[in-house]
C-alpha atoms as a PDB file:
ATOM      1  CA  MET A   1      -0.292   0.065  -0.020  1.00  0.00           C
ATOM      2  CA  GLY A   2       1.123   3.708  -0.341  1.00  0.00           C
ATOM      3  CA  GLY A   3      -0.063   6.221   2.089  1.00  0.00           C
ATOM      4  CA  GLY A   4       3.067   6.708   4.800  1.00  0.00           C
ATOM      5  CA  GLY A   5       5.319   4.486   2.541  1.00  0.00           C
ATOM      6  CA  SER A   6       5.630   1.980  -0.340  1.00  0.00           C
ATOM      7  CA  TRP A   7       6.776  -1.288   0.295  1.00  0.00           C
ATOM      8  CA  ALA A   8       8.751  -3.621  -2.303  1.00  0.00           C
ATOM      9  CA  LEU A   9       7.226  -7.503  -2.709  1.00  0.00           C
ATOM     10  CA  VAL A  10      10.258  -9.348  -1.614  1.00  0.00           C
ATOM     11  CA  GLY A  11      11.405 -11.747  -3.944  1.00  0.00           C
ATOM     12  CA  SER A  12       7.832 -11.028  -6.448  1.00  0.00           C
ATOM     13  CA  GLY A  13       8.591 -11.001  -9.989  1.00  0.00           C
ATOM     14  CA  SER A  14       7.393  -7.368 -10.488  1.00  0.00           C
ATOM     15  CA  VAL A  15       7.968  -3.966  -8.611  1.00  0.00           C
ATOM     16  CA  ALA A  16       4.240  -3.486  -7.493  1.00  0.00           C
ATOM     17  CA  ARG A  17       3.869  -2.607  -3.983  1.00  0.00           C
ATOM     18  CA  MET A  18       1.063  -3.044  -1.757  1.00  0.00           C
ATOM     19  CA  CYS A  19      -0.478  -3.999   1.439  1.00  0.00           C
ATOM     20  CA  GLY A  20       1.561  -1.961   3.831  1.00  0.00           C
ATOM     21  CA  ARG A  21      -1.527  -0.704   6.278  1.00  0.00           C
ATOM     22  CA  TYR A  22      -4.323  -2.253   7.837  1.00  0.00           C
ATOM     23  CA  SER A  23      -6.988  -1.882  10.319  1.00  0.00           C
ATOM     24  CA  ALA A  24      -7.285  -4.429  13.505  1.00  0.00           C
ATOM     25  CA  SER A  25      -9.517  -3.095  16.109  1.00  0.00           C
ATOM     26  CA  ARG A  26     -11.182  -6.638  17.420  1.00  0.00           C
ATOM     27  CA  ARG A  27     -10.532  -7.650  21.014  1.00  0.00           C
ATOM     28  CA  PRO A  28      -8.830 -10.877  21.761  1.00  0.00           C
ATOM     29  CA  GLU A  29     -12.192 -12.837  23.125  1.00  0.00           C
ATOM     30  CA  ASP A  30     -13.767 -11.532  19.810  1.00  0.00           C
ATOM     31  CA  LEU A  31     -11.176 -13.149  17.796  1.00  0.00           C
ATOM     32  CA  ALA A  32     -11.051 -16.421  20.176  1.00  0.00           C
ATOM     33  CA  GLY A  33     -14.721 -16.941  19.199  1.00  0.00           C
ATOM     34  CA  ILE A  34     -14.146 -16.015  15.441  1.00  0.00           C
ATOM     35  CA  PHE A  35     -11.146 -18.710  15.114  1.00  0.00           C
ATOM     36  CA  GLU A  36     -11.675 -21.130  17.926  1.00  0.00           C
ATOM     37  CA  ILE A  37      -8.813 -20.404  19.587  1.00  0.00           C
ATOM     38  CA  GLU A  38      -8.029 -22.280  22.218  1.00  0.00           C
ATOM     39  CA  LYS A  39      -4.814 -20.272  23.898  1.00  0.00           C
ATOM     40  CA  TRP A  40      -4.099 -16.626  24.700  1.00  0.00           C
ATOM     41  CA  GLU A  41      -2.259 -14.780  27.521  1.00  0.00           C
ATOM     42  CA  PRO A  42      -4.076 -11.424  28.698  1.00  0.00           C
ATOM     43  CA  GLU A  43      -1.064 -10.344  29.360  1.00  0.00           C
ATOM     44  CA  GLU A  44      -0.001 -10.017  25.580  1.00  0.00           C
ATOM     45  CA  THR A  45      -3.048  -8.356  24.552  1.00  0.00           C
ATOM     46  CA  LEU A  46      -2.718  -5.200  22.244  1.00  0.00           C
ATOM     47  CA  ALA A  47      -4.759  -1.942  22.044  1.00  0.00           C
ATOM     48  CA  PRO A  48      -6.679  -1.870  18.674  1.00  0.00           C
ATOM     49  CA  ASP A  49      -4.550  -0.469  15.872  1.00  0.00           C
ATOM     50  CA  PHE A  50      -6.537   1.013  13.264  1.00  0.00           C
ATOM     51  CA  ASN A  51      -3.535   2.090  11.331  1.00  0.00           C
ATOM     52  CA  VAL A  52      -0.900  -0.934  11.543  1.00  0.00           C
ATOM     53  CA  ALA A  53       2.048  -0.311   9.600  1.00  0.00           C
ATOM     54  CA  PRO A  54       5.320  -2.391   9.157  1.00  0.00           C
ATOM     55  CA  THR A  55       7.505  -3.342  12.152  1.00  0.00           C
ATOM     56  CA  LYS A  56       4.058  -3.094  14.724  1.00  0.00           C
ATOM     57  CA  GLU A  57       3.623  -6.114  16.624  1.00  0.00           C
ATOM     58  CA  VAL A  58       0.035  -7.652  15.162  1.00  0.00           C
ATOM     59  CA  TYR A  59      -2.204 -10.561  16.240  1.00  0.00           C
ATOM     60  CA  ALA A  60      -1.788 -13.583  14.539  1.00  0.00           C
ATOM     61  CA  VAL A  61      -3.836 -17.388  14.627  1.00  0.00           C
ATOM     62  CA  LEU A  62      -1.709 -20.281  14.578  1.00  0.00           C
ATOM     63  CA  ASP A  63      -1.943 -23.888  14.769  1.00  0.00           C
ATOM     64  CA  ARG A  64       1.563 -24.962  17.112  1.00  0.00           C
ATOM     65  CA  PRO A  65       2.336 -27.731  20.068  1.00  0.00           C
ATOM     66  CA  VAL A  66       2.367 -25.226  23.632  1.00  0.00           C
ATOM     67  CA  LYS A  67       6.150 -24.762  24.689  1.00  0.00           C
ATOM     68  CA  ASP A  68       7.046 -27.000  27.622  1.00  0.00           C
ATOM     69  CA  ALA A  69       3.794 -28.913  27.240  1.00  0.00           C
ATOM     70  CA  ASP A  70       3.480 -32.712  27.732  1.00  0.00           C
ATOM     71  CA  ASP A  71       0.615 -32.896  25.079  1.00  0.00           C
ATOM     72  CA  GLN A  72       2.415 -31.548  21.971  1.00  0.00           C
ATOM     73  CA  ARG A  73      -0.353 -31.605  19.649  1.00  0.00           C
ATOM     74  CA  PRO A  74      -1.114 -28.357  17.889  1.00  0.00           C
ATOM     75  CA  VAL A  75      -3.090 -26.045  19.798  1.00  0.00           C
ATOM     76  CA  ARG A  76      -4.555 -22.796  18.071  1.00  0.00           C
ATOM     77  CA  GLN A  77      -3.372 -19.867  19.516  1.00  0.00           C
ATOM     78  CA  LEU A  78      -3.603 -16.059  19.492  1.00  0.00           C
ATOM     79  CA  ARG A  79       0.173 -14.679  19.524  1.00  0.00           C
ATOM     80  CA  ARG A  80       1.951 -11.146  19.399  1.00  0.00           C
ATOM     81  CA  LEU A  81       3.826 -11.339  16.390  1.00  0.00           C
ATOM     82  CA  LYS A  82       5.837  -8.094  14.833  1.00  0.00           C
ATOM     83  CA  TRP A  83       4.982  -7.820  11.320  1.00  0.00           C
ATOM     84  CA  GLY A  84       8.363  -7.908   8.813  1.00  0.00           C
ATOM     85  CA  LEU A  85       9.699 -11.235   8.624  1.00  0.00           C
ATOM     86  CA  VAL A  86      12.833 -12.192   9.638  1.00  0.00           C
ATOM     87  CA  PRO A  87      13.710 -15.653   8.102  1.00  0.00           C
ATOM     88  CA  SER A  88      15.666 -18.077  10.815  1.00  0.00           C
ATOM     89  CA  TRP A  89      18.949 -17.970   8.649  1.00  0.00           C
ATOM     90  CA  ALA A  90      19.023 -14.176   8.672  1.00  0.00           C
ATOM     91  CA  LYS A  91      22.524 -12.568  10.269  1.00  0.00           C
ATOM     92  CA  SER A  92      20.464  -9.678  11.269  1.00  0.00           C
ATOM     93  CA  PRO A  93      16.798  -8.510  11.518  1.00  0.00           C
ATOM     94  CA  GLU A  94      17.420  -5.370   9.657  1.00  0.00           C
ATOM     95  CA  GLY A  95      15.553  -6.574   6.487  1.00  0.00           C
ATOM     96  CA  GLY A  96      12.294  -7.369   8.257  1.00  0.00           C
ATOM     97  CA  ALA A  97      10.847  -4.120   7.658  1.00  0.00           C
ATOM     98  CA  ARG A  98      10.858  -4.751   3.536  1.00  0.00           C
ATOM     99  CA  MET A  99       9.539  -8.361   4.437  1.00  0.00           C
ATOM    100  CA  ILE A 100       5.893  -7.518   4.951  1.00  0.00           C
ATOM    101  CA  ASN A 101       4.608  -9.214   2.220  1.00  0.00           C
ATOM    102  CA  ALA A 102       5.417 -12.676   0.183  1.00  0.00           C
ATOM    103  CA  ARG A 103       3.991 -13.152  -3.294  1.00  0.00           C
ATOM    104  CA  ALA A 104       1.306 -15.902  -3.940  1.00  0.00           C
ATOM    105  CA  GLU A 105       3.173 -17.252  -6.818  1.00  0.00           C
ATOM    106  CA  THR A 106       6.543 -17.971  -5.935  1.00  0.00           C
ATOM    107  CA  VAL A 107       6.312 -18.067  -2.023  1.00  0.00           C
ATOM    108  CA  HIS A 108       6.983 -22.085  -2.178  1.00  0.00           C
ATOM    109  CA  GLU A 109      10.119 -21.607  -3.857  1.00  0.00           C
ATOM    110  CA  LYS A 110      11.753 -18.154  -2.261  1.00  0.00           C
ATOM    111  CA  PRO A 111      14.395 -18.766   0.091  1.00  0.00           C
ATOM    112  CA  SER A 112      13.382 -16.368   2.340  1.00  0.00           C
ATOM    113  CA  TYR A 113       9.814 -18.039   2.525  1.00  0.00           C
ATOM    114  CA  ARG A 114       9.774 -21.497   1.648  1.00  0.00           C
ATOM    115  CA  ARG A 115      10.213 -23.131   5.050  1.00  0.00           C
ATOM    116  CA  ALA A 116       7.470 -21.027   6.914  1.00  0.00           C
ATOM    117  CA  PHE A 117       5.463 -21.720   3.900  1.00  0.00           C
ATOM    118  CA  ALA A 118       5.501 -25.678   4.658  1.00  0.00           C
ATOM    119  CA  THR A 119       5.244 -25.442   8.388  1.00  0.00           C
ATOM    120  CA  ARG A 120       4.493 -22.132  10.035  1.00  0.00           C
ATOM    121  CA  ARG A 121       1.123 -20.278   8.554  1.00  0.00           C
ATOM    122  CA  CYS A 122      -0.474 -18.437  10.412  1.00  0.00           C
ATOM    123  CA  ILE A 123      -3.752 -15.898   9.550  1.00  0.00           C
ATOM    124  CA  LEU A 124      -3.763 -12.236  10.622  1.00  0.00           C
ATOM    125  CA  PRO A 125      -7.026 -10.703  11.611  1.00  0.00           C
ATOM    126  CA  ALA A 126      -8.088  -7.407  10.062  1.00  0.00           C
ATOM    127  CA  ASP A 127     -10.994  -4.911   9.681  1.00  0.00           C
ATOM    128  CA  GLY A 128      -9.476  -4.027   6.140  1.00  0.00           C
ATOM    129  CA  TYR A 129      -6.894  -2.936   4.524  1.00  0.00           C
ATOM    130  CA  TYR A 130      -6.124   0.697   3.291  1.00  0.00           C
ATOM    131  CA  GLU A 131      -4.958   1.605  -0.254  1.00  0.00           C
ATOM    132  CA  TRP A 132      -3.674   4.633  -2.226  1.00  0.00           C
ATOM    133  CA  VAL A 133      -5.728   5.302  -5.587  1.00  0.00           C
ATOM    134  CA  THR A 134      -3.898   7.056  -8.288  1.00  0.00           C
ATOM    135  CA  GLY A 135      -4.459   6.782 -12.121  1.00  0.00           C
ATOM    136  CA  LYS A 136      -4.454   3.959 -14.503  1.00  0.00           C
ATOM    137  CA  ASP A 137      -1.553   5.097 -16.774  1.00  0.00           C
ATOM    138  CA  GLU A 138       0.284   5.859 -13.345  1.00  0.00           C
ATOM    139  CA  ARG A 139      -0.389   2.070 -11.961  1.00  0.00           C
ATOM    140  CA  ASP A 140       0.693   0.446 -15.396  1.00  0.00           C
ATOM    141  CA  LEU A 141       3.911   2.697 -14.838  1.00  0.00           C
ATOM    142  CA  GLU A 142       4.408   0.760 -11.567  1.00  0.00           C
ATOM    143  CA  VAL A 143       3.655  -2.016 -12.468  1.00  0.00           C
ATOM    144  CA  GLU A 144       6.599  -1.630 -15.214  1.00  0.00           C
ATOM    145  CA  GLY A 145       9.043  -0.451 -12.432  1.00  0.00           C
ATOM    146  CA  ARG A 146       9.049   2.805 -14.586  1.00  0.00           C
ATOM    147  CA  LYS A 147       8.120   5.026 -11.622  1.00  0.00           C
ATOM    148  CA  LYS A 148       7.185   5.314  -7.994  1.00  0.00           C
ATOM    149  CA  ARG A 149       3.399   5.788  -7.017  1.00  0.00           C
ATOM    150  CA  PRO A 150       2.553   9.206  -6.028  1.00  0.00           C
ATOM    151  CA  ARG A 151       0.812   9.322  -3.014  1.00  0.00           C
ATOM    152  CA  LYS A 152      -3.251   9.986  -3.857  1.00  0.00           C
ATOM    153  CA  GLN A 153      -6.790   9.513  -2.373  1.00  0.00           C
ATOM    154  CA  PRO A 154      -6.763   6.663   0.365  1.00  0.00           C
ATOM    155  CA  TYR A 155      -9.504   3.585   0.068  1.00  0.00           C
ATOM    156  CA  PHE A 156     -10.704   1.103   2.936  1.00  0.00           C
ATOM    157  CA  VAL A 157     -11.319  -3.059   1.111  1.00  0.00           C
ATOM    158  CA  LEU A 158     -12.972  -4.699   3.737  1.00  0.00           C
ATOM    159  CA  PRO A 159     -15.130  -8.043   3.600  1.00  0.00           C
ATOM    160  CA  ALA A 160     -18.944  -6.605   2.483  1.00  0.00           C
ATOM    161  CA  ASP A 161     -20.608  -8.173   5.162  1.00  0.00           C
ATOM    162  CA  GLY A 162     -18.153  -7.067   8.045  1.00  0.00           C
ATOM    163  CA  SER A 163     -16.865  -9.916   9.239  1.00  0.00           C
ATOM    164  CA  VAL A 164     -12.930 -10.498  10.002  1.00  0.00           C
ATOM    165  CA  PHE A 165     -10.475 -10.123   6.946  1.00  0.00           C
ATOM    166  CA  ALA A 166      -8.483 -12.986   7.093  1.00  0.00           C
ATOM    167  CA  MET A 167      -5.334 -12.251   5.374  1.00  0.00           C
ATOM    168  CA  ALA A 168      -3.200 -15.723   5.040  1.00  0.00           C
ATOM    169  CA  GLY A 169       0.309 -14.976   6.402  1.00  0.00           C
ATOM    170  CA  LEU A 170       3.467 -17.045   7.079  1.00  0.00           C
ATOM    171  CA  TYR A 171       5.607 -16.479  10.656  1.00  0.00           C
ATOM    172  CA  GLU A 172       9.121 -17.040  11.364  1.00  0.00           C
ATOM    173  CA  PHE A 173      11.505 -17.295  14.659  1.00  0.00           C
ATOM    174  CA  TRP A 174      14.821 -16.073  14.628  1.00  0.00           C
ATOM    175  CA  ARG A 175      17.320 -16.000  17.456  1.00  0.00           C
ATOM    176  CA  ASP A 176      19.437 -13.013  18.398  1.00  0.00           C
ATOM    177  CA  ARG A 177      23.028 -14.501  18.979  1.00  0.00           C
ATOM    178  CA  THR A 178      24.153 -11.353  20.439  1.00  0.00           C
ATOM    179  CA  LEU A 179      21.637 -11.920  23.929  1.00  0.00           C
ATOM    180  CA  PRO A 180      21.873 -14.878  26.739  1.00  0.00           C
ATOM    181  CA  ASP A 181      19.104 -17.531  26.631  1.00  0.00           C
ATOM    182  CA  ASP A 182      16.942 -16.141  28.804  1.00  0.00           C
ATOM    183  CA  HIS A 183      16.735 -12.750  27.877  1.00  0.00           C
ATOM    184  CA  PRO A 184      13.534 -11.798  26.863  1.00  0.00           C
ATOM    185  CA  GLN A 185      14.037 -10.294  23.275  1.00  0.00           C
ATOM    186  CA  ALA A 186      16.497 -13.676  22.367  1.00  0.00           C
ATOM    187  CA  TRP A 187      13.795 -14.399  20.552  1.00  0.00           C
ATOM    188  CA  TRP A 188      12.104 -12.590  17.840  1.00  0.00           C
ATOM    189  CA  THR A 189       8.721 -14.112  16.267  1.00  0.00           C
ATOM    190  CA  THR A 190       7.769 -12.275  12.846  1.00  0.00           C
ATOM    191  CA  CYS A 191       5.465 -12.006  10.095  1.00  0.00           C
ATOM    192  CA  SER A 192       4.473 -11.138   6.956  1.00  0.00           C
ATOM    193  CA  VAL A 193       1.587 -10.996   4.592  1.00  0.00           C
ATOM    194  CA  ILE A 194       0.617 -12.883   1.377  1.00  0.00           C
ATOM    195  CA  THR A 195      -0.621 -11.146  -1.725  1.00  0.00           C
ATOM    196  CA  THR A 196      -2.108 -12.382  -4.731  1.00  0.00           C
ATOM    197  CA  GLU A 197      -3.518 -10.498  -8.201  1.00  0.00           C
ATOM    198  CA  ALA A 198      -6.320  -7.864  -7.423  1.00  0.00           C
ATOM    199  CA  GLU A 199      -9.841  -9.230  -8.305  1.00  0.00           C
ATOM    200  CA  THR A 200     -11.176  -7.867 -11.350  1.00  0.00           C
ATOM    201  CA  THR A 201     -14.792  -8.763 -11.187  1.00  0.00           C
ATOM    202  CA  PRO A 202     -16.946  -6.039  -9.358  1.00  0.00           C
ATOM    203  CA  LEU A 203     -17.198  -5.530  -6.047  1.00  0.00           C
ATOM    204  CA  ALA A 204     -20.252  -6.382  -3.911  1.00  0.00           C
ATOM    205  CA  VAL A 205     -20.543  -2.550  -2.732  1.00  0.00           C
ATOM    206  CA  ALA A 206     -18.702  -0.159  -4.996  1.00  0.00           C
ATOM    207  CA  PRO A 207     -18.421   4.133  -4.932  1.00  0.00           C
ATOM    208  CA  ALA A 208     -20.915   5.984  -7.367  1.00  0.00           C
ATOM    209  CA  GLU A 209     -17.638   7.240  -8.939  1.00  0.00           C
ATOM    210  CA  GLY A 210     -15.487   3.966  -8.764  1.00  0.00           C
ATOM    211  CA  PRO A 211     -13.292   2.295  -8.603  1.00  0.00           C
ATOM    212  CA  TYR A 212     -15.602  -0.744  -9.468  1.00  0.00           C
ATOM    213  CA  SER A 213     -12.941  -3.358  -8.671  1.00  0.00           C
ATOM    214  CA  LEU A 214      -9.975  -3.922  -6.587  1.00  0.00           C
ATOM    215  CA  SER A 215      -7.734  -4.207  -9.686  1.00  0.00           C
ATOM    216  CA  GLU A 216      -8.744  -0.772 -10.569  1.00  0.00           C
ATOM    217  CA  ILE A 217      -7.341   0.411  -6.924  1.00  0.00           C
ATOM    218  CA  HIS A 218      -3.978  -1.755  -7.214  1.00  0.00           C
ATOM    219  CA  PRO A 219      -2.645  -4.944  -8.917  1.00  0.00           C
ATOM    220  CA  ARG A 220      -2.466  -6.741  -6.024  1.00  0.00           C
ATOM    221  CA  MET A 221      -4.070  -7.661  -2.528  1.00  0.00           C
ATOM    222  CA  PRO A 222      -3.746  -9.589   0.338  1.00  0.00           C
ATOM    223  CA  VAL A 223      -5.205 -13.555   0.529  1.00  0.00           C
ATOM    224  CA  MET A 224      -8.249 -13.625   2.032  1.00  0.00           C
ATOM    225  CA  LEU A 225      -8.793 -17.227   3.558  1.00  0.00           C
ATOM    226  CA  THR A 226     -12.337 -18.135   3.461  1.00  0.00           C
ATOM    227  CA  PRO A 227     -13.619 -19.595   6.881  1.00  0.00           C
ATOM    228  CA  ASP A 228     -13.710 -23.095   5.303  1.00  0.00           C
ATOM    229  CA  ARG A 229     -10.047 -23.226   4.358  1.00  0.00           C
ATOM    230  CA  TRP A 230      -8.365 -22.259   7.897  1.00  0.00           C
ATOM    231  CA  ASP A 231      -8.143 -25.089   9.393  1.00  0.00           C
ATOM    232  CA  ALA A 232      -6.585 -26.198   6.619  1.00  0.00           C
ATOM    233  CA  TRP A 233      -4.293 -23.258   6.182  1.00  0.00           C
ATOM    234  CA  LEU A 234      -3.179 -23.585   9.605  1.00  0.00           C
ATOM    235  CA  ASP A 235      -2.846 -27.305   9.798  1.00  0.00           C
ATOM    236  CA  PRO A 236       1.140 -27.991  10.517  1.00  0.00           C
ATOM    237  CA  SER A 237       1.021 -30.985   9.229  1.00  0.00           C
ATOM    238  CA  ARG A 238       0.519 -30.112   5.903  1.00  0.00           C
ATOM    239  CA  THR A 239       3.075 -29.401   3.651  1.00  0.00           C
ATOM    240  CA  ASP A 240       3.061 -30.426   0.434  1.00  0.00           C
ATOM    241  CA  PRO A 241       3.390 -27.123  -1.956  1.00  0.00           C
ATOM    242  CA  ASP A 242       0.909 -28.122  -4.462  1.00  0.00           C
ATOM    243  CA  ASP A 243      -1.757 -29.026  -1.687  1.00  0.00           C
ATOM    244  CA  LEU A 244      -1.044 -25.773   0.209  1.00  0.00           C
ATOM    245  CA  ARG A 245      -1.240 -23.601  -3.029  1.00  0.00           C
ATOM    246  CA  SER A 246      -4.535 -24.563  -3.962  1.00  0.00           C
ATOM    247  CA  LEU A 247      -5.425 -22.988  -0.706  1.00  0.00           C
ATOM    248  CA  LEU A 248      -4.198 -19.658  -1.973  1.00  0.00           C
ATOM    249  CA  ASP A 249      -7.142 -19.420  -4.886  1.00  0.00           C
ATOM    250  CA  ALA A 250      -9.114 -16.765  -4.883  1.00  0.00           C
ATOM    251  CA  PRO A 251     -12.493 -16.237  -2.968  1.00  0.00           C
ATOM    252  CA  PRO A 252     -15.654 -16.546  -4.821  1.00  0.00           C
ATOM    253  CA  PRO A 253     -16.367 -13.135  -6.222  1.00  0.00           C
ATOM    254  CA  GLY A 254     -18.746 -10.463  -4.565  1.00  0.00           C
ATOM    255  CA  LEU A 255     -17.510 -10.800  -1.283  1.00  0.00           C
ATOM    256  CA  MET A 256     -15.465  -7.161  -1.266  1.00  0.00           C
ATOM    257  CA  ARG A 257     -16.421  -3.323  -0.974  1.00  0.00           C
ATOM    258  CA  ALA A 258     -13.976  -0.627  -1.012  1.00  0.00           C
ATOM    259  CA  TYR A 259     -14.818   3.498   0.070  1.00  0.00           C
ATOM    260  CA  PRO A 260     -12.794   5.988   0.462  1.00  0.00           C
ATOM    261  CA  VAL A 261     -11.423   7.579   3.775  1.00  0.00           C
ATOM    262  CA  SER A 262      -9.698  10.654   5.085  1.00  0.00           C
ATOM    263  CA  THR A 263      -6.421  11.322   3.721  1.00  0.00           C
ATOM    264  CA  ALA A 264      -5.266  11.476   7.676  1.00  0.00           C
ATOM    265  CA  VAL A 265      -4.608   7.411   7.660  1.00  0.00           C
ATOM    266  CA  SER A 266      -1.371   8.669   5.088  1.00  0.00           C
ATOM    267  CA  ASN A 267       0.264   9.639   8.260  1.00  0.00           C
ATOM    268  CA  VAL A 268       1.296   6.566  10.453  1.00  0.00           C
ATOM    269  CA  ARG A 269       1.059   8.835  13.215  1.00  0.00           C
ATOM    270  CA  ASN A 270      -2.644   9.133  13.078  1.00  0.00           C
ATOM    271  CA  ASN A 271      -4.623   6.316  14.927  1.00  0.00           C
ATOM    272  CA  GLY A 272      -8.126   5.673  15.431  1.00  0.00           C
ATOM    273  CA  PRO A 273     -11.961   4.545  14.234  1.00  0.00           C
ATOM    274  CA  GLU A 274     -12.339   7.850  12.526  1.00  0.00           C
ATOM    275  CA  LEU A 275      -9.933   6.761  10.103  1.00  0.00           C
ATOM    276  CA  MET A 276     -12.352   4.025   8.724  1.00  0.00           C
ATOM    277  CA  LYS A 277     -15.178   6.149   8.601  1.00  0.00           C
ATOM    278  CA  GLU A 278     -16.488   6.537   5.293  1.00  0.00           C
ATOM    279  CA  LEU A 279     -16.401   9.271   2.989  1.00  0.00           C
ATOM    280  CA  ALA A 280     -19.162  10.975   0.769  1.00  0.00           C
ATOM    281  CA  GLY A 281     -16.610  11.002  -1.878  1.00  0.00           C
ATOM    282  CA  PRO A 282     -12.812  10.881  -2.387  1.00  0.00           C
ATOM    283  CA  GLU A 283     -10.855  14.315  -1.099  1.00  0.00           C
ATOM    284  CA  GLU A 284      -8.225  13.812  -3.697  1.00  0.00           C
ATOM    285  CA  GLY A 285      -8.943  13.818  -7.291  1.00  0.00           C
ATOM    286  CA  THR A 286      -8.135  10.247  -9.039  1.00  0.00           C
ATOM    287  CA  LEU A 287      -9.573   8.808 -12.492  1.00  0.00           C
ATOM    288  CA  PHE A 288     -11.722   6.135 -13.330  1.00  0.00           C
END
């Protein structure tokens, strides 16, 4: 996404940038009911965040054995992770802020992601995500890598029925070898959002003057997992790449809506439910 900065799709075949901001306001109690979570720590509760940006801590749903438990069967947990994946083999965490997105088409083969794709998958629950709209000609130039996208009118993209936007994600563990084993920051747990081609089918609810599809906003979008895919995606025993890649197929059309929001969201320091408020029309001129 645009706004406070454009973020490259690490390991992608193009330079299209997206998914650098989203909103996550649901309480842990609500997420526990939605995802049938068995374990979460109240002391790890995050405040609602209406302007989630890279390097922030975010909620992730994952299936994993509980550390030091006698029963090592996977347990569905709600965990706090840092957004920006650091591979386990990385010498330092410095590249994490650039690794916020993994491309669905190549996630199974890229060194930074393939191990996590095989066994460390998660769901990143969101209200929806922000994307910045500009004219079609400029978007085409961006995809070709010939021009950096200017900041334009932000739109909020969310499920039309108001349900949770379950973004497909990956997570990794990284050990800071400069710290002793018992140091609270010796281990980092980080994550990345998987993205795919934006839907070209009509939005379920579209602004009168457009955009009429997600592809008119941006060529990429986060992979949204429908509830029928949650268990399979989170199951760490499923490791076949072709089987897992099928879970990243596009959901049925007509599930999404988009509307213009205040340009205040472009500043990462702004945070509050007013950022998601629908505007009657765009504040900035766009070309549809």
